[in-house]
Every structure is written in structure tokens, then in C-alpha cells.
Amino acid sequence: MFSKVLLFGTVHSRTLWDGRNDQFLRAQLIVRQAACRGLRFVGVTEARWPGQGQMAIPGTAWQALYSGGLKRQHGVMLLID
């Protein structure tokens, strides 16, 4: 029997790309909201980060796994605590 509950959430972000140098700003906002609700995993639609990969979200212990298009028109992301 499992003794720990893991909470998942989803967000339709419209975009996480803010067009400035700080691409993490909106991801940090989602992470703060997720932490307040006790979530450990958050799926994000329309993240619009270019390319694909894994990054640490600065100032947090969260990791971002993402896959997007070359022109910032598509993309999904999984945020993991």
C-alpha cells in the first residue's frame, strides 16, 4: 500500500514566453501557485518555449521538461517538484 499521495495539476498557459530575456518569469509564477496548492507535478499546455530539453527553474527546486516548436507556436511542459 502506498503511504504518500502525489498531487498532479494542469495549466493552460496561453504562453510562458514573455518575449524578454527572462523566460522563467511565468514558469516561476506557475510553480509558486502549484506549491501553494501542494502539487508535485504540473502539466502545461501552450508553453511555447523553443526547442526541447530540461531546465531547472531558477529560485526553486522544480525542473521543467519541455518540447516546443521552432517558432514559439506550440509546446508542452511538465513541471516537476
N, C-alpha and C. Protein backbone atom coordinates (compact mmCIF):
# COMPACT_ATOMS: atom_id res chain seq x y z
N MET A 1 0.84 -1.18 0.00
CA MET A 1 0.00 0.00 0.00
C MET A 1 0.89 1.24 0.00
N PHE A 2 0.49 2.25 -0.76
CA PHE A 2 1.23 3.50 -0.83
C PHE A 2 0.90 4.37 0.37
N SER A 3 1.91 5.01 0.92
CA SER A 3 1.69 5.84 2.09
C SER A 3 1.76 7.33 1.77
N LYS A 4 2.08 7.69 0.53
CA LYS A 4 2.21 9.10 0.17
C LYS A 4 1.31 9.42 -1.01
N VAL A 5 0.64 10.55 -0.94
CA VAL A 5 -0.23 10.99 -2.01
C VAL A 5 0.51 12.01 -2.85
N LEU A 6 0.51 11.82 -4.16
CA LEU A 6 1.12 12.78 -5.09
C LEU A 6 0.00 13.51 -5.82
N LEU A 7 0.08 14.82 -5.84
CA LEU A 7 -0.95 15.61 -6.48
C LEU A 7 -0.45 16.14 -7.83
N PHE A 8 -1.28 16.01 -8.84
CA PHE A 8 -0.99 16.46 -10.20
C PHE A 8 -1.94 17.60 -10.55
N GLY A 9 -1.49 18.48 -11.42
CA GLY A 9 -2.34 19.57 -11.90
C GLY A 9 -2.02 19.87 -13.35
N THR A 10 -2.92 20.60 -14.00
CA THR A 10 -2.69 21.04 -15.37
C THR A 10 -2.99 22.53 -15.48
N VAL A 11 -2.31 23.18 -16.41
CA VAL A 11 -2.50 24.61 -16.65
C VAL A 11 -2.51 24.84 -18.15
N HIS A 12 -3.48 25.61 -18.61
CA HIS A 12 -3.48 26.09 -20.00
C HIS A 12 -2.92 27.51 -19.93
N SER A 13 -1.66 27.67 -20.29
CA SER A 13 -0.95 28.92 -20.01
C SER A 13 -1.11 30.00 -21.07
N ARG A 14 -1.58 29.66 -22.24
CA ARG A 14 -1.59 30.54 -23.42
C ARG A 14 -0.17 30.80 -23.90
N THR A 15 0.74 31.16 -23.02
CA THR A 15 2.16 31.21 -23.36
C THR A 15 2.98 31.40 -22.09
N LEU A 16 4.14 30.78 -22.05
CA LEU A 16 5.10 31.04 -20.98
C LEU A 16 6.24 31.90 -21.50
N TRP A 17 6.21 32.20 -22.80
CA TRP A 17 7.27 33.01 -23.40
C TRP A 17 6.85 34.46 -23.32
N ASP A 18 7.62 35.27 -22.59
CA ASP A 18 7.23 36.66 -22.39
C ASP A 18 7.93 37.63 -23.34
N GLY A 19 8.79 37.13 -24.22
CA GLY A 19 9.44 37.98 -25.20
C GLY A 19 10.62 38.78 -24.67
N ARG A 20 10.92 38.62 -23.40
CA ARG A 20 12.05 39.32 -22.81
C ARG A 20 13.14 38.31 -22.52
N ASN A 21 14.19 38.74 -21.89
CA ASN A 21 15.31 37.85 -21.57
C ASN A 21 14.96 36.84 -20.49
N ASP A 22 13.99 37.16 -19.63
CA ASP A 22 13.66 36.27 -18.52
C ASP A 22 12.54 35.32 -18.91
N GLN A 23 12.89 34.19 -19.52
CA GLN A 23 11.88 33.24 -19.95
C GLN A 23 11.29 32.45 -18.79
N PHE A 24 11.88 32.59 -17.61
CA PHE A 24 11.43 31.80 -16.47
C PHE A 24 10.36 32.50 -15.64
N LEU A 25 10.10 33.77 -15.87
CA LEU A 25 9.21 34.54 -15.02
C LEU A 25 7.84 33.89 -14.88
N ARG A 26 7.21 33.56 -15.98
CA ARG A 26 5.86 32.97 -15.92
C ARG A 26 5.89 31.55 -15.38
N ALA A 27 6.94 30.80 -15.67
CA ALA A 27 7.07 29.46 -15.10
C ALA A 27 7.20 29.54 -13.58
N GLN A 28 7.93 30.53 -13.08
CA GLN A 28 8.06 30.72 -11.64
C GLN A 28 6.72 31.04 -10.99
N LEU A 29 5.89 31.81 -11.68
CA LEU A 29 4.56 32.11 -11.15
C LEU A 29 3.71 30.84 -11.03
N ILE A 30 3.75 29.99 -12.05
CA ILE A 30 3.00 28.73 -12.00
C ILE A 30 3.53 27.85 -10.89
N VAL A 31 4.85 27.78 -10.73
CA VAL A 31 5.46 26.95 -9.69
C VAL A 31 5.02 27.43 -8.30
N ARG A 32 5.00 28.74 -8.10
CA ARG A 32 4.57 29.26 -6.78
C ARG A 32 3.12 28.89 -6.49
N GLN A 33 2.25 29.02 -7.50
CA GLN A 33 0.85 28.64 -7.30
C GLN A 33 0.71 27.15 -7.04
N ALA A 34 1.47 26.34 -7.76
CA ALA A 34 1.42 24.89 -7.57
C ALA A 34 1.87 24.51 -6.16
N ALA A 35 2.95 25.13 -5.69
CA ALA A 35 3.46 24.83 -4.36
C ALA A 35 2.45 25.20 -3.29
N CYS A 36 1.74 26.31 -3.47
CA CYS A 36 0.71 26.73 -2.50
C CYS A 36 -0.42 25.71 -2.42
N ARG A 37 -0.66 25.00 -3.51
CA ARG A 37 -1.74 24.01 -3.55
C ARG A 37 -1.24 22.59 -3.25
N GLY A 38 0.04 22.45 -2.98
CA GLY A 38 0.58 21.14 -2.64
C GLY A 38 0.81 20.22 -3.83
N LEU A 39 0.86 20.78 -5.04
CA LEU A 39 1.07 19.95 -6.23
C LEU A 39 2.54 19.58 -6.38
N ARG A 40 2.80 18.42 -6.92
CA ARG A 40 4.17 17.95 -7.16
C ARG A 40 4.50 17.90 -8.65
N PHE A 41 3.47 17.78 -9.49
CA PHE A 41 3.63 17.70 -10.94
C PHE A 41 2.59 18.62 -11.57
N VAL A 42 3.00 19.39 -12.58
CA VAL A 42 2.07 20.27 -13.30
C VAL A 42 2.33 20.13 -14.80
N GLY A 43 1.30 19.76 -15.54
CA GLY A 43 1.37 19.73 -16.99
C GLY A 43 0.94 21.08 -17.53
N VAL A 44 1.70 21.64 -18.45
CA VAL A 44 1.43 22.97 -19.00
C VAL A 44 1.24 22.85 -20.51
N THR A 45 0.11 23.35 -21.00
CA THR A 45 -0.13 23.39 -22.45
C THR A 45 0.23 24.76 -22.98
N GLU A 46 0.58 24.81 -24.26
CA GLU A 46 0.96 26.03 -24.95
C GLU A 46 2.08 26.80 -24.24
N ALA A 47 3.08 26.06 -23.78
CA ALA A 47 4.21 26.70 -23.10
C ALA A 47 4.99 27.60 -24.06
N ARG A 48 5.13 27.18 -25.31
CA ARG A 48 5.78 27.95 -26.38
C ARG A 48 7.26 28.23 -26.15
N TRP A 49 7.91 27.42 -25.35
CA TRP A 49 9.37 27.53 -25.26
C TRP A 49 9.95 26.86 -26.49
N PRO A 50 10.95 27.46 -27.12
CA PRO A 50 11.51 26.87 -28.34
C PRO A 50 12.37 25.64 -28.05
N GLY A 51 12.35 24.70 -28.97
CA GLY A 51 13.19 23.52 -28.85
C GLY A 51 12.63 22.51 -27.86
N GLN A 52 13.54 21.73 -27.30
CA GLN A 52 13.14 20.72 -26.31
C GLN A 52 14.29 20.53 -25.34
N GLY A 53 13.96 20.09 -24.14
CA GLY A 53 15.01 19.85 -23.16
C GLY A 53 14.52 19.84 -21.74
N GLN A 54 15.47 20.02 -20.84
CA GLN A 54 15.21 20.02 -19.40
C GLN A 54 15.96 21.20 -18.79
N MET A 55 15.30 21.92 -17.88
CA MET A 55 15.94 23.05 -17.21
C MET A 55 15.46 23.14 -15.78
N ALA A 56 16.32 23.64 -14.92
CA ALA A 56 15.92 23.96 -13.56
C ALA A 56 15.25 25.33 -13.58
N ILE A 57 14.18 25.50 -12.83
CA ILE A 57 13.52 26.79 -12.71
C ILE A 57 14.26 27.56 -11.63
N PRO A 58 14.89 28.68 -11.97
CA PRO A 58 15.71 29.42 -11.01
C PRO A 58 14.92 29.85 -9.77
N GLY A 59 15.57 29.75 -8.63
CA GLY A 59 14.95 30.15 -7.37
C GLY A 59 14.01 29.12 -6.78
N THR A 60 13.92 27.95 -7.43
CA THR A 60 13.04 26.89 -6.94
C THR A 60 13.78 25.56 -7.03
N ALA A 61 13.16 24.52 -6.50
CA ALA A 61 13.70 23.17 -6.64
C ALA A 61 13.03 22.42 -7.80
N TRP A 62 12.24 23.11 -8.59
CA TRP A 62 11.47 22.50 -9.67
C TRP A 62 12.30 22.35 -10.94
N GLN A 63 11.97 21.33 -11.71
CA GLN A 63 12.58 21.07 -13.01
C GLN A 63 11.49 21.21 -14.09
N ALA A 64 11.88 21.66 -15.26
CA ALA A 64 10.96 21.76 -16.39
C ALA A 64 11.44 20.84 -17.50
N LEU A 65 10.57 19.95 -17.94
CA LEU A 65 10.79 19.14 -19.14
C LEU A 65 9.88 19.73 -20.20
N TYR A 66 10.43 20.12 -21.35
CA TYR A 66 9.60 20.82 -22.32
C TYR A 66 9.91 20.37 -23.75
N SER A 67 8.92 20.57 -24.60
CA SER A 67 9.07 20.32 -26.02
C SER A 67 8.21 21.34 -26.75
N GLY A 68 8.85 22.09 -27.67
CA GLY A 68 8.12 23.13 -28.38
C GLY A 68 8.59 23.24 -29.82
N GLY A 69 7.93 24.09 -30.56
CA GLY A 69 8.28 24.30 -31.95
C GLY A 69 9.41 25.30 -32.09
N LEU A 70 9.89 25.47 -33.31
CA LEU A 70 10.98 26.40 -33.57
C LEU A 70 10.51 27.86 -33.56
N LYS A 71 9.25 28.10 -33.86
CA LYS A 71 8.74 29.46 -33.97
C LYS A 71 7.90 29.89 -32.76
N ARG A 72 8.01 29.21 -31.66
CA ARG A 72 7.26 29.51 -30.44
C ARG A 72 5.75 29.51 -30.69
N GLN A 73 5.29 28.58 -31.49
CA GLN A 73 3.86 28.47 -31.78
C GLN A 73 3.22 27.29 -31.07
N HIS A 74 4.00 26.39 -30.55
CA HIS A 74 3.48 25.17 -29.94
C HIS A 74 4.26 24.89 -28.66
N GLY A 75 3.92 23.84 -28.00
CA GLY A 75 4.76 23.40 -26.92
C GLY A 75 4.01 22.94 -25.69
N VAL A 76 4.58 21.96 -25.04
CA VAL A 76 4.07 21.46 -23.77
C VAL A 76 5.22 21.40 -22.78
N MET A 77 4.85 21.37 -21.52
CA MET A 77 5.88 21.35 -20.47
C MET A 77 5.35 20.53 -19.30
N LEU A 78 6.25 19.84 -18.64
CA LEU A 78 5.94 19.16 -17.39
C LEU A 78 6.85 19.77 -16.32
N LEU A 79 6.25 20.35 -15.30
CA LEU A 79 6.99 20.91 -14.18
C LEU A 79 6.96 19.88 -13.06
N ILE A 80 8.13 19.59 -12.51
CA ILE A 80 8.28 18.53 -11.51
C ILE A 80 8.98 19.09 -10.28
N ASP A 81 8.38 18.86 -9.11
CA ASP A 81 8.98 19.29 -7.85
C ASP A 81 9.96 18.24 -7.37
